[in-house]
PDB file of N, CA and C in Angstrom:
ATOM      1  N   PRO A   1     -12.256   2.768   9.523  1.00  0.00           N
ATOM      2  CA  PRO A   1     -11.628   4.100   9.355  1.00  0.00           C
ATOM      3  C   PRO A   1     -11.228   4.604   8.061  1.00  0.00           C
ATOM      4  N   TYR A   2     -10.841   3.625   7.183  1.00  0.00           N
ATOM      5  CA  TYR A   2     -10.422   4.000   5.766  1.00  0.00           C
ATOM      6  C   TYR A   2     -11.414   4.013   4.691  1.00  0.00           C
ATOM      7  N   ARG A   3     -12.813   3.732   4.994  1.00  0.00           N
ATOM      8  CA  ARG A   3     -13.716   3.628   3.963  1.00  0.00           C
ATOM      9  C   ARG A   3     -13.827   4.869   3.189  1.00  0.00           C
ATOM     10  N   SER A   4     -13.792   6.086   3.768  1.00  0.00           N
ATOM     11  CA  SER A   4     -13.758   7.392   2.962  1.00  0.00           C
ATOM     12  C   SER A   4     -12.419   7.482   1.891  1.00  0.00           C
ATOM     13  N   GLN A   5     -11.427   6.864   2.497  1.00  0.00           N
ATOM     14  CA  GLN A   5     -10.276   6.879   1.377  1.00  0.00           C
ATOM     15  C   GLN A   5     -10.681   6.085   0.231  1.00  0.00           C
ATOM     16  N   VAL A   6     -11.196   4.842   0.734  1.00  0.00           N
ATOM     17  CA  VAL A   6     -11.569   3.821  -0.613  1.00  0.00           C
ATOM     18  C   VAL A   6     -12.564   4.616  -1.405  1.00  0.00           C
ATOM     19  N   GLU A   7     -13.554   5.318  -0.944  1.00  0.00           N
ATOM     20  CA  GLU A   7     -14.513   5.737  -1.858  1.00  0.00           C
ATOM     21  C   GLU A   7     -13.862   6.770  -2.673  1.00  0.00           C
ATOM     22  N   LEU A   8     -13.227   7.718  -2.114  1.00  0.00           N
ATOM     23  CA  LEU A   8     -12.387   8.724  -2.832  1.00  0.00           C
ATOM     24  C   LEU A   8     -11.502   8.083  -4.046  1.00  0.00           C
ATOM     25  N   LEU A   9     -10.826   7.073  -3.726  1.00  0.00           N
ATOM     26  CA  LEU A   9     -10.015   6.487  -4.730  1.00  0.00           C
ATOM     27  C   LEU A   9     -10.993   5.725  -5.766  1.00  0.00           C
ATOM     28  N   ARG A  10     -12.114   5.063  -5.406  1.00  0.00           N
ATOM     29  CA  ARG A  10     -12.934   4.533  -6.499  1.00  0.00           C
ATOM     30  C   ARG A  10     -13.496   5.859  -7.337  1.00  0.00           C
ATOM     31  N   LYS A  11     -13.784   6.840  -6.845  1.00  0.00           N
ATOM     32  CA  LYS A  11     -14.381   7.858  -7.746  1.00  0.00           C
ATOM     33  C   LYS A  11     -13.207   8.393  -8.616  1.00  0.00           C
ATOM     34  N   GLN A  12     -12.109   8.583  -7.969  1.00  0.00           N
ATOM     35  CA  GLN A  12     -10.951   9.103  -8.905  1.00  0.00           C
ATOM     36  C   GLN A  12     -10.568   8.115  -9.987  1.00  0.00           C
ATOM     37  N   THR A  13     -10.493   6.853  -9.743  1.00  0.00           N
ATOM     38  CA  THR A  13     -10.189   5.912 -10.710  1.00  0.00           C
ATOM     39  C   THR A  13     -11.239   5.637 -11.854  1.00  0.00           C
ATOM     40  N   ALA A  14     -12.518   5.753 -11.475  1.00  0.00           N
ATOM     41  CA  ALA A  14     -13.615   5.626 -12.239  1.00  0.00           C
ATOM     42  C   ALA A  14     -13.582   6.560 -13.400  1.00  0.00           C
ATOM     43  N   SER A  15     -12.963   7.787 -13.188  1.00  0.00           N
ATOM     44  CA  SER A  15     -12.838   8.867 -14.113  1.00  0.00           C
ATOM     45  C   SER A  15     -11.649   8.635 -14.976  1.00  0.00           C
ATOM     46  N   LEU A  16     -10.778   7.880 -14.898  1.00  0.00           N
ATOM     47  CA  LEU A  16      -9.587   7.550 -15.731  1.00  0.00           C
ATOM     48  C   LEU A  16     -10.077   6.636 -16.782  1.00  0.00           C
ATOM     49  N   THR A  17      -9.834   6.961 -18.231  1.00  0.00           N
ATOM     50  CA  THR A  17     -10.184   6.249 -19.334  1.00  0.00           C
ATOM     51  C   THR A  17      -8.975   5.270 -19.548  1.00  0.00           C
ATOM     52  N   GLY A  18      -9.347   4.232 -20.105  1.00  0.00           N
ATOM     53  CA  GLY A  18      -8.213   3.195 -20.809  1.00  0.00           C
ATOM     54  C   GLY A  18      -7.916   1.978 -19.662  1.00  0.00           C
ATOM     55  N   LEU A  19      -8.219   2.413 -18.367  1.00  0.00           N
ATOM     56  CA  LEU A  19      -7.829   1.412 -17.383  1.00  0.00           C
ATOM     57  C   LEU A  19      -8.882   0.105 -17.213  1.00  0.00           C
ATOM     58  N   GLY A  20     -10.070   0.396 -17.686  1.00  0.00           N
ATOM     59  CA  GLY A  20     -11.058  -0.883 -17.690  1.00  0.00           C
ATOM     60  C   GLY A  20     -11.332  -0.682 -16.175  1.00  0.00           C
ATOM     61  N   HIS A  21     -11.984  -1.835 -15.672  1.00  0.00           N
ATOM     62  CA  HIS A  21     -12.250  -2.039 -14.315  1.00  0.00           C
ATOM     63  C   HIS A  21     -11.348  -1.862 -13.296  1.00  0.00           C
ATOM     64  N   VAL A  22     -11.302  -1.004 -12.288  1.00  0.00           N
ATOM     65  CA  VAL A  22     -10.320  -0.945 -11.145  1.00  0.00           C
ATOM     66  C   VAL A  22     -11.118  -1.333 -10.008  1.00  0.00           C
ATOM     67  N   GLU A  23     -10.541  -2.287  -9.254  1.00  0.00           N
ATOM     68  CA  GLU A  23     -11.324  -2.549  -7.987  1.00  0.00           C
ATOM     69  C   GLU A  23     -10.418  -1.778  -6.856  1.00  0.00           C
ATOM     70  N   VAL A  24     -11.092  -1.198  -5.889  1.00  0.00           N
ATOM     71  CA  VAL A  24     -10.547  -0.496  -4.895  1.00  0.00           C
ATOM     72  C   VAL A  24     -11.170  -0.989  -3.700  1.00  0.00           C
ATOM     73  N   ASN A  25     -10.232  -1.413  -2.751  1.00  0.00           N
ATOM     74  CA  ASN A  25     -10.544  -2.006  -1.209  1.00  0.00           C
ATOM     75  C   ASN A  25      -9.807  -1.616  -0.350  1.00  0.00           C
ATOM     76  N   THR A  26      -9.946  -2.132   1.181  1.00  0.00           N
ATOM     77  CA  THR A  26      -8.907  -2.037   1.995  1.00  0.00           C
ATOM     78  C   THR A  26      -8.125  -3.451   1.907  1.00  0.00           C
ATOM     79  N   VAL A  27      -7.021  -3.246   2.577  1.00  0.00           N
ATOM     80  CA  VAL A  27      -6.096  -4.467   2.517  1.00  0.00           C
ATOM     81  C   VAL A  27      -6.853  -5.811   2.951  1.00  0.00           C
ATOM     82  N   ASP A  28      -7.610  -5.531   4.162  1.00  0.00           N
ATOM     83  CA  ASP A  28      -8.316  -6.596   4.629  1.00  0.00           C
ATOM     84  C   ASP A  28      -9.080  -7.404   3.512  1.00  0.00           C
ATOM     85  N   GLN A  29      -9.734  -6.726   2.595  1.00  0.00           N
ATOM     86  CA  GLN A  29     -10.613  -7.318   1.544  1.00  0.00           C
ATOM     87  C   GLN A  29      -9.599  -8.228   0.585  1.00  0.00           C
ATOM     88  N   TYR A  30      -8.340  -8.074   0.597  1.00  0.00           N
ATOM     89  CA  TYR A  30      -7.694  -8.843  -0.253  1.00  0.00           C
ATOM     90  C   TYR A  30      -6.896 -10.054   0.362  1.00  0.00           C
ATOM     91  N   GLN A  31      -7.344 -10.410   1.513  1.00  0.00           N
ATOM     92  CA  GLN A  31      -6.815 -11.651   2.187  1.00  0.00           C
ATOM     93  C   GLN A  31      -6.983 -12.811   1.216  1.00  0.00           C
ATOM     94  N   GLY A  32      -6.140 -13.581   0.965  1.00  0.00           N
ATOM     95  CA  GLY A  32      -6.427 -14.841   0.106  1.00  0.00           C
ATOM     96  C   GLY A  32      -6.635 -14.518  -1.268  1.00  0.00           C
ATOM     97  N   ARG A  33      -6.753 -13.280  -1.750  1.00  0.00           N
ATOM     98  CA  ARG A  33      -6.764 -13.095  -3.278  1.00  0.00           C
ATOM     99  C   ARG A  33      -5.752 -12.127  -3.766  1.00  0.00           C
ATOM    100  N   ASP A  34      -5.343 -12.519  -4.985  1.00  0.00           N
ATOM    101  CA  ASP A  34      -4.193 -12.030  -5.940  1.00  0.00           C
ATOM    102  C   ASP A  34      -4.818 -11.025  -6.910  1.00  0.00           C
ATOM    103  N   LYS A  35      -3.938 -10.220  -7.466  1.00  0.00           N
ATOM    104  CA  LYS A  35      -4.420  -9.227  -8.406  1.00  0.00           C
ATOM    105  C   LYS A  35      -3.170  -9.086  -9.343  1.00  0.00           C
ATOM    106  N   ASP A  36      -3.277  -8.709 -10.598  1.00  0.00           N
ATOM    107  CA  ASP A  36      -2.080  -8.454 -11.295  1.00  0.00           C
ATOM    108  C   ASP A  36      -1.176  -7.170 -10.766  1.00  0.00           C
ATOM    109  N   VAL A  37      -1.900  -6.230 -10.401  1.00  0.00           N
ATOM    110  CA  VAL A  37      -1.257  -4.927  -9.954  1.00  0.00           C
ATOM    111  C   VAL A  37      -1.944  -4.504  -8.739  1.00  0.00           C
ATOM    112  N   ILE A  38      -1.117  -4.246  -7.814  1.00  0.00           N
ATOM    113  CA  ILE A  38      -1.650  -3.831  -6.351  1.00  0.00           C
ATOM    114  C   ILE A  38      -1.073  -2.220  -6.037  1.00  0.00           C
ATOM    115  N   LEU A  39      -1.903  -1.322  -5.824  1.00  0.00           N
ATOM    116  CA  LEU A  39      -1.526  -0.121  -5.483  1.00  0.00           C
ATOM    117  C   LEU A  39      -1.820   0.140  -4.103  1.00  0.00           C
ATOM    118  N   TYR A  40      -0.715   0.215  -3.132  1.00  0.00           N
ATOM    119  CA  TYR A  40      -0.837   0.332  -1.783  1.00  0.00           C
ATOM    120  C   TYR A  40      -0.868   1.744  -1.366  1.00  0.00           C
ATOM    121  N   SER A  41      -1.933   2.380  -1.118  1.00  0.00           N
ATOM    122  CA  SER A  41      -1.876   3.676  -0.590  1.00  0.00           C
ATOM    123  C   SER A  41      -1.852   3.801   0.892  1.00  0.00           C
ATOM    124  N   CYS A  42      -0.643   4.567   1.290  1.00  0.00           N
ATOM    125  CA  CYS A  42      -0.342   4.471   2.839  1.00  0.00           C
ATOM    126  C   CYS A  42      -0.501   5.862   3.426  1.00  0.00           C
ATOM    127  N   THR A  43      -1.711   6.322   3.727  1.00  0.00           N
ATOM    128  CA  THR A  43      -1.797   7.573   4.261  1.00  0.00           C
ATOM    129  C   THR A  43      -2.204   7.674   5.967  1.00  0.00           C
ATOM    130  N   ARG A  44      -1.712   8.691   6.387  1.00  0.00           N
ATOM    131  CA  ARG A  44      -1.910   8.874   7.851  1.00  0.00           C
ATOM    132  C   ARG A  44      -2.215  10.415   8.019  1.00  0.00           C
ATOM    133  N   SER A  45      -3.082  10.608   9.134  1.00  0.00           N
ATOM    134  CA  SER A  45      -3.435  11.904   9.566  1.00  0.00           C
ATOM    135  C   SER A  45      -2.912  11.953  10.966  1.00  0.00           C
ATOM    136  N   THR A  46      -2.327  11.141  11.479  1.00  0.00           N
ATOM    137  CA  THR A  46      -1.653  11.319  12.868  1.00  0.00           C
ATOM    138  C   THR A  46      -0.450  10.703  13.007  1.00  0.00           C
ATOM    139  N   LYS A  47       0.236  10.976  14.095  1.00  0.00           N
ATOM    140  CA  LYS A  47       1.618  10.403  14.405  1.00  0.00           C
ATOM    141  C   LYS A  47       1.723   9.043  14.323  1.00  0.00           C
ATOM    142  N   PRO A  48       2.751   8.547  13.477  1.00  0.00           N
ATOM    143  CA  PRO A  48       2.805   6.970  13.305  1.00  0.00           C
ATOM    144  C   PRO A  48       3.024   6.308  14.865  1.00  0.00           C
ATOM    145  N   THR A  49       2.405   5.284  14.909  1.00  0.00           N
ATOM    146  CA  THR A  49       2.661   4.346  16.127  1.00  0.00           C
ATOM    147  C   THR A  49       2.659   2.927  15.540  1.00  0.00           C
ATOM    148  N   GLU A  50       3.520   2.090  16.264  1.00  0.00           N
ATOM    149  CA  GLU A  50       3.680   0.591  15.785  1.00  0.00           C
ATOM    150  C   GLU A  50       2.390  -0.165  15.658  1.00  0.00           C
ATOM    151  N   SER A  51       1.304   0.435  16.700  1.00  0.00           N
ATOM    152  CA  SER A  51       0.060  -0.320  16.785  1.00  0.00           C
ATOM    153  C   SER A  51      -1.024   0.260  15.899  1.00  0.00           C
ATOM    154  N   ASP A  52      -0.741   1.045  14.935  1.00  0.00           N
ATOM    155  CA  ASP A  52      -1.683   1.512  14.068  1.00  0.00           C
ATOM    156  C   ASP A  52      -1.817   0.771  12.902  1.00  0.00           C
ATOM    157  N   ILE A  53      -2.625   0.770  11.972  1.00  0.00           N
ATOM    158  CA  ILE A  53      -2.859   0.055  10.660  1.00  0.00           C
ATOM    159  C   ILE A  53      -1.548  -0.164   9.907  1.00  0.00           C
ATOM    160  N   LEU A  54      -0.720   0.837   9.757  1.00  0.00           N
ATOM    161  CA  LEU A  54       0.473   0.958   9.012  1.00  0.00           C
ATOM    162  C   LEU A  54       1.552   0.110   9.866  1.00  0.00           C
ATOM    163  N   GLY A  55       1.463  -0.138  11.016  1.00  0.00           N
ATOM    164  CA  GLY A  55       2.479  -0.812  11.720  1.00  0.00           C
ATOM    165  C   GLY A  55       2.050  -2.335  11.981  1.00  0.00           C
ATOM    166  N   ASP A  56       1.041  -2.501  11.410  1.00  0.00           N
ATOM    167  CA  ASP A  56       0.499  -3.995  11.459  1.00  0.00           C
ATOM    168  C   ASP A  56       1.180  -5.092  10.652  1.00  0.00           C
ATOM    169  N   LYS A  57       1.797  -5.811  11.039  1.00  0.00           N
ATOM    170  CA  LYS A  57       2.646  -6.809  10.153  1.00  0.00           C
ATOM    171  C   LYS A  57       1.791  -7.725   9.113  1.00  0.00           C
ATOM    172  N   ASN A  58       0.825  -8.232   9.774  1.00  0.00           N
ATOM    173  CA  ASN A  58      -0.075  -8.951   8.885  1.00  0.00           C
ATOM    174  C   ASN A  58      -0.567  -8.343   7.824  1.00  0.00           C
ATOM    175  N   ARG A  59      -1.161  -6.979   7.871  1.00  0.00           N
ATOM    176  CA  ARG A  59      -1.588  -6.088   6.838  1.00  0.00           C
ATOM    177  C   ARG A  59      -0.676  -5.871   5.982  1.00  0.00           C
ATOM    178  N   LEU A  60       0.694  -5.614   6.362  1.00  0.00           N
ATOM    179  CA  LEU A  60       1.651  -5.248   5.439  1.00  0.00           C
ATOM    180  C   LEU A  60       1.989  -6.474   4.682  1.00  0.00           C
ATOM    181  N   THR A  61       2.056  -7.557   5.208  1.00  0.00           N
ATOM    182  CA  THR A  61       2.377  -8.818   4.564  1.00  0.00           C
ATOM    183  C   THR A  61       1.267  -9.028   3.273  1.00  0.00           C
ATOM    184  N   VAL A  62      -0.003  -8.761   3.676  1.00  0.00           N
ATOM    185  CA  VAL A  62      -0.914  -9.082   2.808  1.00  0.00           C
ATOM    186  C   VAL A  62      -0.932  -8.172   1.658  1.00  0.00           C
ATOM    187  N   ALA A  63      -0.559  -6.827   1.952  1.00  0.00           N
ATOM    188  CA  ALA A  63      -0.495  -5.678   0.963  1.00  0.00           C
ATOM    189  C   ALA A  63       0.655  -6.128  -0.144  1.00  0.00           C
ATOM    190  N   ILE A  64       1.801  -6.634   0.356  1.00  0.00           N
ATOM    191  CA  ILE A  64       2.891  -6.807  -0.525  1.00  0.00           C
ATOM    192  C   ILE A  64       2.925  -8.105  -1.154  1.00  0.00           C
ATOM    193  N   THR A  65       2.079  -9.039  -0.723  1.00  0.00           N
ATOM    194  CA  THR A  65       2.138 -10.310  -1.341  1.00  0.00           C
ATOM    195  C   THR A  65       0.929 -10.604  -2.281  1.00  0.00           C
ATOM    196  N   ARG A  66       0.087  -9.747  -2.517  1.00  0.00           N
ATOM    197  CA  ARG A  66      -1.048  -9.900  -3.295  1.00  0.00           C
ATOM    198  C   ARG A  66      -1.089  -9.617  -4.723  1.00  0.00           C
ATOM    199  N   ALA A  67       0.280  -8.983  -4.999  1.00  0.00           N
ATOM    200  CA  ALA A  67       0.470  -8.487  -6.513  1.00  0.00           C
ATOM    201  C   ALA A  67       1.188  -9.603  -7.220  1.00  0.00           C
ATOM    202  N   ARG A  68       0.541 -10.092  -8.324  1.00  0.00           N
ATOM    203  CA  ARG A  68       1.259 -10.957  -9.341  1.00  0.00           C
ATOM    204  C   ARG A  68       2.336 -10.465 -10.201  1.00  0.00           C
ATOM    205  N   HIS A  69       2.302  -9.093 -10.317  1.00  0.00           N
ATOM    206  CA  HIS A  69       3.426  -8.530 -11.574  1.00  0.00           C
ATOM    207  C   HIS A  69       3.905  -7.253 -10.873  1.00  0.00           C
ATOM    208  N   LYS A  70       3.053  -6.573 -10.282  1.00  0.00           N
ATOM    209  CA  LYS A  70       3.590  -5.138  -9.977  1.00  0.00           C
ATOM    210  C   LYS A  70       2.957  -4.692  -8.433  1.00  0.00           C
ATOM    211  N   LEU A  71       3.869  -4.105  -7.650  1.00  0.00           N
ATOM    212  CA  LEU A  71       3.137  -3.546  -6.514  1.00  0.00           C
ATOM    213  C   LEU A  71       3.856  -2.040  -6.443  1.00  0.00           C
ATOM    214  N   ILE A  72       2.746  -1.164  -6.281  1.00  0.00           N
ATOM    215  CA  ILE A  72       3.025   0.229  -6.282  1.00  0.00           C
ATOM    216  C   ILE A  72       2.734   0.651  -4.833  1.00  0.00           C
ATOM    217  N   ILE A  73       3.604   1.295  -4.051  1.00  0.00           N
ATOM    218  CA  ILE A  73       3.400   1.906  -2.773  1.00  0.00           C
ATOM    219  C   ILE A  73       3.420   3.343  -2.928  1.00  0.00           C
ATOM    220  N   ILE A  74       2.190   3.851  -2.514  1.00  0.00           N
ATOM    221  CA  ILE A  74       2.272   5.331  -2.526  1.00  0.00           C
ATOM    222  C   ILE A  74       2.113   5.888  -0.903  1.00  0.00           C
ATOM    223  N   GLY A  75       3.010   6.746  -0.686  1.00  0.00           N
ATOM    224  CA  GLY A  75       2.990   7.491   0.643  1.00  0.00           C
ATOM    225  C   GLY A  75       4.297   8.244   0.808  1.00  0.00           C
ATOM    226  N   ASN A  76       4.283   8.895   1.874  1.00  0.00           N
ATOM    227  CA  ASN A  76       5.370   9.911   2.535  1.00  0.00           C
ATOM    228  C   ASN A  76       6.612   8.950   2.959  1.00  0.00           C
ATOM    229  N   LEU A  77       7.727   8.814   2.047  1.00  0.00           N
ATOM    230  CA  LEU A  77       8.783   8.104   2.427  1.00  0.00           C
ATOM    231  C   LEU A  77       9.505   8.050   3.633  1.00  0.00           C
ATOM    232  N   ASN A  78       9.353   9.538   4.228  1.00  0.00           N
ATOM    233  CA  ASN A  78       9.916   9.915   5.503  1.00  0.00           C
ATOM    234  C   ASN A  78       9.092   9.513   6.475  1.00  0.00           C
ATOM    235  N   LEU A  79       7.874   9.545   6.422  1.00  0.00           N
ATOM    236  CA  LEU A  79       6.775   9.141   7.516  1.00  0.00           C
ATOM    237  C   LEU A  79       6.771   7.599   7.591  1.00  0.00           C
ATOM    238  N   LEU A  80       6.893   6.878   6.243  1.00  0.00           N
ATOM    239  CA  LEU A  80       6.691   5.591   6.495  1.00  0.00           C
ATOM    240  C   LEU A  80       8.018   4.753   7.020  1.00  0.00           C
ATOM    241  N   ARG A  81       9.106   5.489   6.793  1.00  0.00           N
ATOM    242  CA  ARG A  81      10.334   5.027   7.507  1.00  0.00           C
ATOM    243  C   ARG A  81      10.297   5.139   9.041  1.00  0.00           C
ATOM    244  N   ASP A  82       9.232   6.012   9.585  1.00  0.00           N
ATOM    245  CA  ASP A  82       9.093   5.855  11.076  1.00  0.00           C
ATOM    246  C   ASP A  82       8.646   4.545  11.376  1.00  0.00           C
ATOM    247  N   TYR A  83       8.087   3.732  10.572  1.00  0.00           N
ATOM    248  CA  TYR A  83       7.663   2.477  10.903  1.00  0.00           C
ATOM    249  C   TYR A  83       8.625   1.469  10.902  1.00  0.00           C
ATOM    250  N   LYS A  84       9.148   0.807  11.836  1.00  0.00           N
ATOM    251  CA  LYS A  84       9.916  -0.261  11.843  1.00  0.00           C
ATOM    252  C   LYS A  84       9.725  -1.350  10.676  1.00  0.00           C
ATOM    253  N   LEU A  85       8.598  -1.899  10.434  1.00  0.00           N
ATOM    254  CA  LEU A  85       8.260  -2.701   9.369  1.00  0.00           C
ATOM    255  C   LEU A  85       8.492  -2.107   7.968  1.00  0.00           C
ATOM    256  N   PHE A  86       8.157  -0.716   7.724  1.00  0.00           N
ATOM    257  CA  PHE A  86       8.379  -0.301   6.465  1.00  0.00           C
ATOM    258  C   PHE A  86      10.055   0.033   6.237  1.00  0.00           C
ATOM    259  N   ASN A  87      10.444   0.427   7.362  1.00  0.00           N
ATOM    260  CA  ASN A  87      12.006   0.742   7.181  1.00  0.00           C
ATOM    261  C   ASN A  87      12.730  -0.617   6.944  1.00  0.00           C
ATOM    262  N   THR A  88      12.381  -1.782   7.506  1.00  0.00           N
ATOM    263  CA  THR A  88      13.057  -2.948   7.203  1.00  0.00           C
ATOM    264  C   THR A  88      12.665  -3.343   5.758  1.00  0.00           C
ATOM    265  N   LEU A  89      11.266  -3.235   5.033  1.00  0.00           N
ATOM    266  CA  LEU A  89      11.039  -3.462   3.811  1.00  0.00           C
ATOM    267  C   LEU A  89      11.959  -2.511   2.819  1.00  0.00           C
ATOM    268  N   PHE A  90      12.045  -1.227   3.045  1.00  0.00           N
ATOM    269  CA  PHE A  90      12.868  -0.258   2.212  1.00  0.00           C
ATOM    270  C   PHE A  90      14.162  -0.632   2.126  1.00  0.00           C
ATOM    271  N   SER A  91      14.733  -0.902   3.390  1.00  0.00           N
ATOM    272  CA  SER A  91      16.384  -1.280   3.405  1.00  0.00           C
ATOM    273  C   SER A  91      16.490  -2.540   2.422  1.00  0.00           C
ATOM    274  N   SER A  92      15.527  -3.643   2.535  1.00  0.00           N
ATOM    275  CA  SER A  92      15.702  -4.891   1.723  1.00  0.00           C
ATOM    276  C   SER A  92      15.729  -4.531   0.306  1.00  0.00           C
ATOM    277  N   ILE A  93      14.649  -3.635   0.101  1.00  0.00           N
ATOM    278  CA  ILE A  93      14.513  -3.138  -1.426  1.00  0.00           C
ATOM    279  C   ILE A  93      15.905  -2.542  -1.843  1.00  0.00           C
ATOM    280  N   SER A  94      16.181  -1.725  -1.192  1.00  0.00           N
ATOM    281  CA  SER A  94      17.562  -0.894  -1.505  1.00  0.00           C
ATOM    282  C   SER A  94      18.717  -1.855  -1.625  1.00  0.00           C
ATOM    283  N   THR A  95      18.895  -2.579  -0.547  1.00  0.00           N
ATOM    284  CA  THR A  95      19.958  -3.559  -0.435  1.00  0.00           C
ATOM    285  C   THR A  95      20.114  -4.625  -1.727  1.00  0.00           C
ATOM    286  N   ASN A  96      19.079  -4.953  -2.088  1.00  0.00           N
ATOM    287  CA  ASN A  96      18.726  -5.770  -3.138  1.00  0.00           C
ATOM    288  C   ASN A  96      18.766  -5.244  -4.462  1.00  0.00           C
ATOM    289  N   CYS A  97      18.885  -4.090  -4.817  1.00  0.00           N
ATOM    290  CA  CYS A  97      18.784  -3.021  -5.862  1.00  0.00           C
ATOM    291  C   CYS A  97      17.481  -3.380  -6.713  1.00  0.00           C
ATOM    292  N   ILE A  98      16.263  -3.658  -6.111  1.00  0.00           N
ATOM    293  CA  ILE A  98      15.239  -3.934  -6.754  1.00  0.00           C
ATOM    294  C   ILE A  98      14.705  -2.773  -7.373  1.00  0.00           C
ATOM    295  N   ILE A  99      14.565  -1.470  -6.643  1.00  0.00           N
ATOM    296  CA  ILE A  99      14.269  -0.215  -7.171  1.00  0.00           C
ATOM    297  C   ILE A  99      15.168   0.849  -6.370  1.00  0.00           C
ATOM    298  N   SER A 100      14.978   2.040  -6.785  1.00  0.00           N
ATOM    299  CA  SER A 100      15.544   3.420  -6.170  1.00  0.00           C
ATOM    300  C   SER A 100      14.371   4.001  -5.538  1.00  0.00           C
ATOM    301  N   LEU A 101      14.399   4.076  -4.263  1.00  0.00           N
ATOM    302  CA  LEU A 101      13.405   4.885  -3.478  1.00  0.00           C
ATOM    303  C   LEU A 101      13.627   6.437  -3.573  1.00  0.00           C
ATOM    304  N   SER A 102      12.629   7.064  -3.841  1.00  0.00           N
ATOM    305  CA  SER A 102      12.535   8.387  -3.905  1.00  0.00           C
ATOM    306  C   SER A 102      11.503   9.165  -3.463  1.00  0.00           C
TER     307      SER A 102
END
């Protein structure tokens, strides 16, 4: 279901200069593989539910543990807070003063 988003991101990153090769895939494609930088794009077009892909604990675990140096999460903070997993993650990030969320 996210193939069109992957294709759009591939086209957009290909047009950027100075980045070299940028690999764009779904979370499932990174199982067991690490990258220096992971950009995790969290988009939804429907009302969030714990049973959808963003509410999947295994996928979130893969997404946030694949980055060697930097993890960038892109999404609507208010929408992502509707997911228990993301709310827990963001609370931990804020509590430990890792970054400021905005």
